[in-house]
Amino acid sequence: MEPKRSRIIKGAIFTSALAFYVGLVDVGQAQSASDRSSPYVVSWNRTLPTEARFIVLANFDNEAVLDQDTGLLWERSPAKTRTDWKAAKSACLNKTIGGQRGWRLPSIVELTSLLDPSVQDSDAMLPSGHPFLNNPSGFYWSASADGESSKAWHLHLSNGHVHITGKTSAFKVWCVRGGSTADQ
């Protein structure tokens, strides 16, 4: 038979270990999956000041910007050239930014998430002090297609209006990474 003192010490160790484990589980449950997998905290349920919201990523050769409000990774310098919808989708799929592939055309919801409604009468309704280059103004394609196969949604960045038009129109392309991959 084991001495009583040995059982008490083993029980105390077990109890401490259990309390430690339970404490970790509680902490883990309080964090979202993105909190545990990234050094950045991302959440669609808050708004950050521009200087905290957008992070230019050095590990992408400063060619990509993380939006901490949405968790999306945007190319820092959207192309100035205009193209039709099919070529726009292909351009993102074939693009290498910061040495990384896996880019896509954003949904219309993702594109509009960049807008700052308080910014009026400017080239782009982006938050003041944003880190994007190439003066991202004008019309941009989204991956969001209408029920008709010949039309898709686009965003007029200077006034924030969303429109639907024929896929043969020529608009700019701003590639994104992460988030939804569905053509919404």
C-alpha atoms as a PDB file:
ATOM      1  CA  MET A   1       0.000   0.000   0.000  1.00  0.00           C
ATOM      2  CA  GLU A   2       1.202   3.483  -0.881  1.00  0.00           C
ATOM      3  CA  PRO A   3       1.913   5.862   1.983  1.00  0.00           C
ATOM      4  CA  LYS A   4      -0.785   8.481   2.566  1.00  0.00           C
ATOM      5  CA  ARG A   5       1.630  11.390   2.002  1.00  0.00           C
ATOM      6  CA  SER A   6       2.571  10.115  -1.477  1.00  0.00           C
ATOM      7  CA  ARG A   7      -1.102   9.931  -2.513  1.00  0.00           C
ATOM      8  CA  ILE A   8      -1.684  13.510  -1.296  1.00  0.00           C
ATOM      9  CA  ILE A   9       1.283  14.852  -3.295  1.00  0.00           C
ATOM     10  CA  LYS A  10       0.202  12.954  -6.426  1.00  0.00           C
ATOM     11  CA  GLY A  11      -3.347  14.239  -5.953  1.00  0.00           C
ATOM     12  CA  ALA A  12      -2.092  17.811  -5.547  1.00  0.00           C
ATOM     13  CA  ILE A  13      -0.013  17.520  -8.714  1.00  0.00           C
ATOM     14  CA  PHE A  14      -2.983  16.083 -10.605  1.00  0.00           C
ATOM     15  CA  THR A  15      -5.280  18.818  -9.264  1.00  0.00           C
ATOM     16  CA  SER A  16      -2.777  21.541 -10.200  1.00  0.00           C
ATOM     17  CA  ALA A  17      -2.296  20.080 -13.654  1.00  0.00           C
ATOM     18  CA  LEU A  18      -6.041  19.836 -14.148  1.00  0.00           C
ATOM     19  CA  ALA A  19      -6.556  23.437 -13.007  1.00  0.00           C
ATOM     20  CA  PHE A  20      -3.771  24.574 -15.355  1.00  0.00           C
ATOM     21  CA  TYR A  21      -5.304  22.643 -18.255  1.00  0.00           C
ATOM     22  CA  VAL A  22      -8.798  23.984 -17.566  1.00  0.00           C
ATOM     23  CA  GLY A  23      -7.365  27.489 -17.384  1.00  0.00           C
ATOM     24  CA  LEU A  24      -5.763  27.049 -20.802  1.00  0.00           C
ATOM     25  CA  VAL A  25      -8.960  25.722 -22.287  1.00  0.00           C
ATOM     26  CA  ASP A  26     -10.870  28.725 -20.959  1.00  0.00           C
ATOM     27  CA  VAL A  27      -8.301  31.113 -22.452  1.00  0.00           C
ATOM     28  CA  GLY A  28      -8.307  29.236 -25.739  1.00  0.00           C
ATOM     29  CA  GLN A  29     -12.078  29.361 -25.978  1.00  0.00           C
ATOM     30  CA  ALA A  30     -12.042  33.122 -25.384  1.00  0.00           C
ATOM     31  CA  GLN A  31      -9.828  33.661 -28.435  1.00  0.00           C
ATOM     32  CA  SER A  32     -11.025  33.366 -31.981  1.00  0.00           C
ATOM     33  CA  ALA A  33      -9.273  31.078 -34.423  1.00  0.00           C
ATOM     34  CA  SER A  34      -7.641  34.067 -36.132  1.00  0.00           C
ATOM     35  CA  ASP A  35      -6.281  35.285 -32.777  1.00  0.00           C
ATOM     36  CA  ARG A  36      -4.443  31.986 -32.256  1.00  0.00           C
ATOM     37  CA  SER A  37      -3.135  31.531 -35.808  1.00  0.00           C
ATOM     38  CA  SER A  38      -1.874  35.037 -36.578  1.00  0.00           C
ATOM     39  CA  PRO A  39       0.178  37.699 -34.843  1.00  0.00           C
ATOM     40  CA  TYR A  40      -2.518  40.129 -35.998  1.00  0.00           C
ATOM     41  CA  VAL A  41      -6.000  40.323 -34.511  1.00  0.00           C
ATOM     42  CA  VAL A  42      -8.718  40.470 -37.153  1.00  0.00           C
ATOM     43  CA  SER A  43     -12.397  41.184 -36.627  1.00  0.00           C
ATOM     44  CA  TRP A  44     -15.268  42.396 -38.800  1.00  0.00           C
ATOM     45  CA  ASN A  45     -17.066  43.650 -35.672  1.00  0.00           C
ATOM     46  CA  ARG A  46     -14.836  46.648 -34.995  1.00  0.00           C
ATOM     47  CA  THR A  47     -13.292  49.622 -36.707  1.00  0.00           C
ATOM     48  CA  LEU A  48      -9.703  50.675 -36.255  1.00  0.00           C
ATOM     49  CA  PRO A  49      -8.006  53.969 -37.015  1.00  0.00           C
ATOM     50  CA  THR A  50      -6.254  53.828 -40.403  1.00  0.00           C
ATOM     51  CA  GLU A  51      -2.750  53.652 -38.932  1.00  0.00           C
ATOM     52  CA  ALA A  52      -3.723  50.546 -36.920  1.00  0.00           C
ATOM     53  CA  ARG A  53      -6.088  49.051 -39.495  1.00  0.00           C
ATOM     54  CA  PHE A  54      -3.709  48.694 -42.436  1.00  0.00           C
ATOM     55  CA  ILE A  55      -0.329  46.969 -42.085  1.00  0.00           C
ATOM     56  CA  VAL A  56       2.153  46.918 -44.948  1.00  0.00           C
ATOM     57  CA  LEU A  57       3.711  43.455 -44.746  1.00  0.00           C
ATOM     58  CA  ALA A  58       7.489  43.283 -44.959  1.00  0.00           C
ATOM     59  CA  ASN A  59       7.355  39.500 -45.498  1.00  0.00           C
ATOM     60  CA  PHE A  60       5.523  40.234 -48.775  1.00  0.00           C
ATOM     61  CA  ASP A  61       8.302  42.665 -49.840  1.00  0.00           C
ATOM     62  CA  ASN A  62       6.032  45.579 -48.817  1.00  0.00           C
ATOM     63  CA  GLU A  63       3.809  44.732 -51.811  1.00  0.00           C
ATOM     64  CA  ALA A  64       0.776  43.631 -49.754  1.00  0.00           C
ATOM     65  CA  VAL A  65      -1.391  45.287 -47.102  1.00  0.00           C
ATOM     66  CA  LEU A  66      -3.225  43.441 -44.334  1.00  0.00           C
ATOM     67  CA  ASP A  67      -6.593  44.956 -43.419  1.00  0.00           C
ATOM     68  CA  GLN A  68      -7.021  44.068 -39.751  1.00  0.00           C
ATOM     69  CA  ASP A  69     -10.714  45.009 -39.854  1.00  0.00           C
ATOM     70  CA  THR A  70     -11.480  42.245 -42.361  1.00  0.00           C
ATOM     71  CA  GLY A  71      -8.465  39.937 -42.397  1.00  0.00           C
ATOM     72  CA  LEU A  72      -8.061  40.412 -46.134  1.00  0.00           C
ATOM     73  CA  LEU A  73      -4.675  40.862 -47.747  1.00  0.00           C
ATOM     74  CA  TRP A  74      -4.723  43.445 -50.559  1.00  0.00           C
ATOM     75  CA  GLU A  75      -2.140  44.161 -53.194  1.00  0.00           C
ATOM     76  CA  ARG A  76      -0.569  47.488 -52.284  1.00  0.00           C
ATOM     77  CA  SER A  77      -0.338  48.828 -55.852  1.00  0.00           C
ATOM     78  CA  PRO A  78      -3.390  47.930 -57.921  1.00  0.00           C
ATOM     79  CA  ALA A  79      -2.770  47.995 -61.653  1.00  0.00           C
ATOM     80  CA  LYS A  80      -3.765  51.124 -63.571  1.00  0.00           C
ATOM     81  CA  THR A  81      -4.631  49.216 -66.737  1.00  0.00           C
ATOM     82  CA  ARG A  82      -8.239  48.368 -67.552  1.00  0.00           C
ATOM     83  CA  THR A  83      -9.451  44.999 -68.701  1.00  0.00           C
ATOM     84  CA  ASP A  84     -12.636  42.997 -69.170  1.00  0.00           C
ATOM     85  CA  TRP A  85     -14.022  40.789 -66.363  1.00  0.00           C
ATOM     86  CA  LYS A  86     -12.659  37.462 -67.599  1.00  0.00           C
ATOM     87  CA  ALA A  87      -9.148  38.901 -68.040  1.00  0.00           C
ATOM     88  CA  ALA A  88      -9.428  40.565 -64.594  1.00  0.00           C
ATOM     89  CA  LYS A  89     -10.109  37.199 -62.926  1.00  0.00           C
ATOM     90  CA  SER A  90      -7.243  35.627 -64.821  1.00  0.00           C
ATOM     91  CA  ALA A  91      -4.871  38.495 -63.948  1.00  0.00           C
ATOM     92  CA  CYS A  92      -5.365  37.904 -60.214  1.00  0.00           C
ATOM     93  CA  LEU A  93      -5.125  34.118 -60.487  1.00  0.00           C
ATOM     94  CA  ASN A  94      -1.806  34.441 -62.326  1.00  0.00           C
ATOM     95  CA  LYS A  95      -0.372  37.264 -60.226  1.00  0.00           C
ATOM     96  CA  THR A  96       2.637  36.984 -57.922  1.00  0.00           C
ATOM     97  CA  ILE A  97       2.719  39.650 -55.193  1.00  0.00           C
ATOM     98  CA  GLY A  98       5.470  39.695 -52.614  1.00  0.00           C
ATOM     99  CA  GLY A  99       6.686  36.370 -53.943  1.00  0.00           C
ATOM    100  CA  GLN A 100       3.303  34.733 -53.246  1.00  0.00           C
ATOM    101  CA  ARG A 101       0.569  33.285 -55.449  1.00  0.00           C
ATOM    102  CA  GLY A 102      -3.046  32.599 -54.454  1.00  0.00           C
ATOM    103  CA  TRP A 103      -4.564  35.977 -55.351  1.00  0.00           C
ATOM    104  CA  ARG A 104      -8.098  36.438 -56.637  1.00  0.00           C
ATOM    105  CA  LEU A 105     -10.616  39.060 -57.657  1.00  0.00           C
ATOM    106  CA  PRO A 106     -12.483  40.287 -54.550  1.00  0.00           C
ATOM    107  CA  SER A 107     -16.223  40.014 -54.027  1.00  0.00           C
ATOM    108  CA  ILE A 108     -18.197  43.254 -54.203  1.00  0.00           C
ATOM    109  CA  VAL A 109     -18.678  43.134 -50.419  1.00  0.00           C
ATOM    110  CA  GLU A 110     -14.925  42.846 -49.899  1.00  0.00           C
ATOM    111  CA  LEU A 111     -14.252  45.769 -52.246  1.00  0.00           C
ATOM    112  CA  THR A 112     -16.762  47.999 -50.474  1.00  0.00           C
ATOM    113  CA  SER A 113     -15.203  47.123 -47.112  1.00  0.00           C
ATOM    114  CA  LEU A 114     -12.267  49.357 -48.093  1.00  0.00           C
ATOM    115  CA  LEU A 115     -14.485  52.437 -48.349  1.00  0.00           C
ATOM    116  CA  ASP A 116     -14.616  55.191 -45.755  1.00  0.00           C
ATOM    117  CA  PRO A 117     -18.065  56.854 -46.044  1.00  0.00           C
ATOM    118  CA  SER A 118     -16.761  59.969 -44.272  1.00  0.00           C
ATOM    119  CA  VAL A 119     -14.387  60.679 -47.186  1.00  0.00           C
ATOM    120  CA  GLN A 120     -16.193  62.791 -49.784  1.00  0.00           C
ATOM    121  CA  ASP A 121     -15.102  64.610 -52.937  1.00  0.00           C
ATOM    122  CA  SER A 122     -11.874  62.704 -53.481  1.00  0.00           C
ATOM    123  CA  ASP A 123     -10.329  60.396 -56.050  1.00  0.00           C
ATOM    124  CA  ALA A 124     -10.957  57.437 -53.781  1.00  0.00           C
ATOM    125  CA  MET A 125     -13.214  56.947 -50.769  1.00  0.00           C
ATOM    126  CA  LEU A 126     -10.376  55.233 -48.915  1.00  0.00           C
ATOM    127  CA  PRO A 127      -9.527  56.143 -45.319  1.00  0.00           C
ATOM    128  CA  SER A 128      -7.222  59.143 -45.006  1.00  0.00           C
ATOM    129  CA  GLY A 129      -3.617  58.013 -44.645  1.00  0.00           C
ATOM    130  CA  HIS A 130      -4.171  54.610 -46.319  1.00  0.00           C
ATOM    131  CA  PRO A 131      -0.967  52.836 -47.465  1.00  0.00           C
ATOM    132  CA  PHE A 132      -2.055  51.975 -51.011  1.00  0.00           C
ATOM    133  CA  LEU A 133      -0.002  53.178 -53.992  1.00  0.00           C
ATOM    134  CA  ASN A 134      -0.769  54.031 -57.635  1.00  0.00           C
ATOM    135  CA  ASN A 135      -3.654  56.367 -56.726  1.00  0.00           C
ATOM    136  CA  PRO A 136      -6.345  53.672 -56.593  1.00  0.00           C
ATOM    137  CA  SER A 137      -9.224  55.665 -58.058  1.00  0.00           C
ATOM    138  CA  GLY A 138     -11.778  54.800 -60.726  1.00  0.00           C
ATOM    139  CA  PHE A 139     -13.825  51.666 -61.421  1.00  0.00           C
ATOM    140  CA  TYR A 140     -12.835  48.197 -60.153  1.00  0.00           C
ATOM    141  CA  TRP A 141     -14.141  44.762 -61.053  1.00  0.00           C
ATOM    142  CA  SER A 142     -15.428  42.359 -58.431  1.00  0.00           C
ATOM    143  CA  ALA A 143     -15.755  38.597 -58.697  1.00  0.00           C
ATOM    144  CA  SER A 144     -19.469  38.999 -57.954  1.00  0.00           C
ATOM    145  CA  ALA A 145     -21.504  38.117 -60.999  1.00  0.00           C
ATOM    146  CA  ASP A 146     -25.200  38.676 -61.479  1.00  0.00           C
ATOM    147  CA  GLY A 147     -27.508  35.755 -62.094  1.00  0.00           C
ATOM    148  CA  GLU A 148     -27.002  36.517 -65.757  1.00  0.00           C
ATOM    149  CA  SER A 149     -23.751  35.145 -67.073  1.00  0.00           C
ATOM    150  CA  SER A 150     -23.014  38.335 -69.035  1.00  0.00           C
ATOM    151  CA  LYS A 151     -22.991  40.832 -66.098  1.00  0.00           C
ATOM    152  CA  ALA A 152     -20.872  41.468 -62.999  1.00  0.00           C
ATOM    153  CA  TRP A 153     -20.670  44.014 -60.179  1.00  0.00           C
ATOM    154  CA  HIS A 154     -18.076  46.764 -60.048  1.00  0.00           C
ATOM    155  CA  LEU A 155     -17.244  49.597 -57.654  1.00  0.00           C
ATOM    156  CA  HIS A 156     -16.700  53.250 -58.498  1.00  0.00           C
ATOM    157  CA  LEU A 157     -14.065  54.033 -55.891  1.00  0.00           C
ATOM    158  CA  SER A 158     -14.370  57.821 -56.088  1.00  0.00           C
ATOM    159  CA  ASN A 159     -18.020  57.909 -54.988  1.00  0.00           C
ATOM    160  CA  GLY A 160     -18.535  54.442 -53.506  1.00  0.00           C
ATOM    161  CA  HIS A 161     -21.340  53.496 -55.853  1.00  0.00           C
ATOM    162  CA  VAL A 162     -21.794  49.864 -56.823  1.00  0.00           C
ATOM    163  CA  HIS A 163     -23.038  49.089 -60.329  1.00  0.00           C
ATOM    164  CA  ILE A 164     -23.692  46.074 -62.500  1.00  0.00           C
ATOM    165  CA  THR A 165     -22.530  46.035 -66.081  1.00  0.00           C
ATOM    166  CA  GLY A 166     -21.554  43.781 -68.950  1.00  0.00           C
ATOM    167  CA  LYS A 167     -18.445  41.687 -68.422  1.00  0.00           C
ATOM    168  CA  THR A 168     -16.952  43.044 -71.643  1.00  0.00           C
ATOM    169  CA  SER A 169     -16.565  46.533 -70.102  1.00  0.00           C
ATOM    170  CA  ALA A 170     -13.032  47.570 -69.166  1.00  0.00           C
ATOM    171  CA  PHE A 171     -12.287  48.338 -65.499  1.00  0.00           C
ATOM    172  CA  LYS A 172      -9.292  48.157 -63.168  1.00  0.00           C
ATOM    173  CA  VAL A 173      -8.263  45.121 -61.133  1.00  0.00           C
ATOM    174  CA  TRP A 174      -7.393  45.049 -57.414  1.00  0.00           C
ATOM    175  CA  CYS A 175      -6.385  41.587 -56.232  1.00  0.00           C
ATOM    176  CA  VAL A 176      -6.993  40.171 -52.757  1.00  0.00           C
ATOM    177  CA  ARG A 177      -5.972  37.110 -50.801  1.00  0.00           C
ATOM    178  CA  GLY A 178      -7.804  35.335 -47.974  1.00  0.00           C
ATOM    179  CA  GLY A 179     -11.451  35.489 -46.969  1.00  0.00           C
ATOM    180  CA  SER A 180     -14.105  33.953 -49.171  1.00  0.00           C
ATOM    181  CA  THR A 181     -13.120  32.287 -52.387  1.00  0.00           C
ATOM    182  CA  ALA A 182     -16.650  32.095 -53.768  1.00  0.00           C
ATOM    183  CA  ASP A 183     -17.667  34.343 -56.625  1.00  0.00           C
ATOM    184  CA  GLN A 184     -20.227  36.279 -54.607  1.00  0.00           C
END
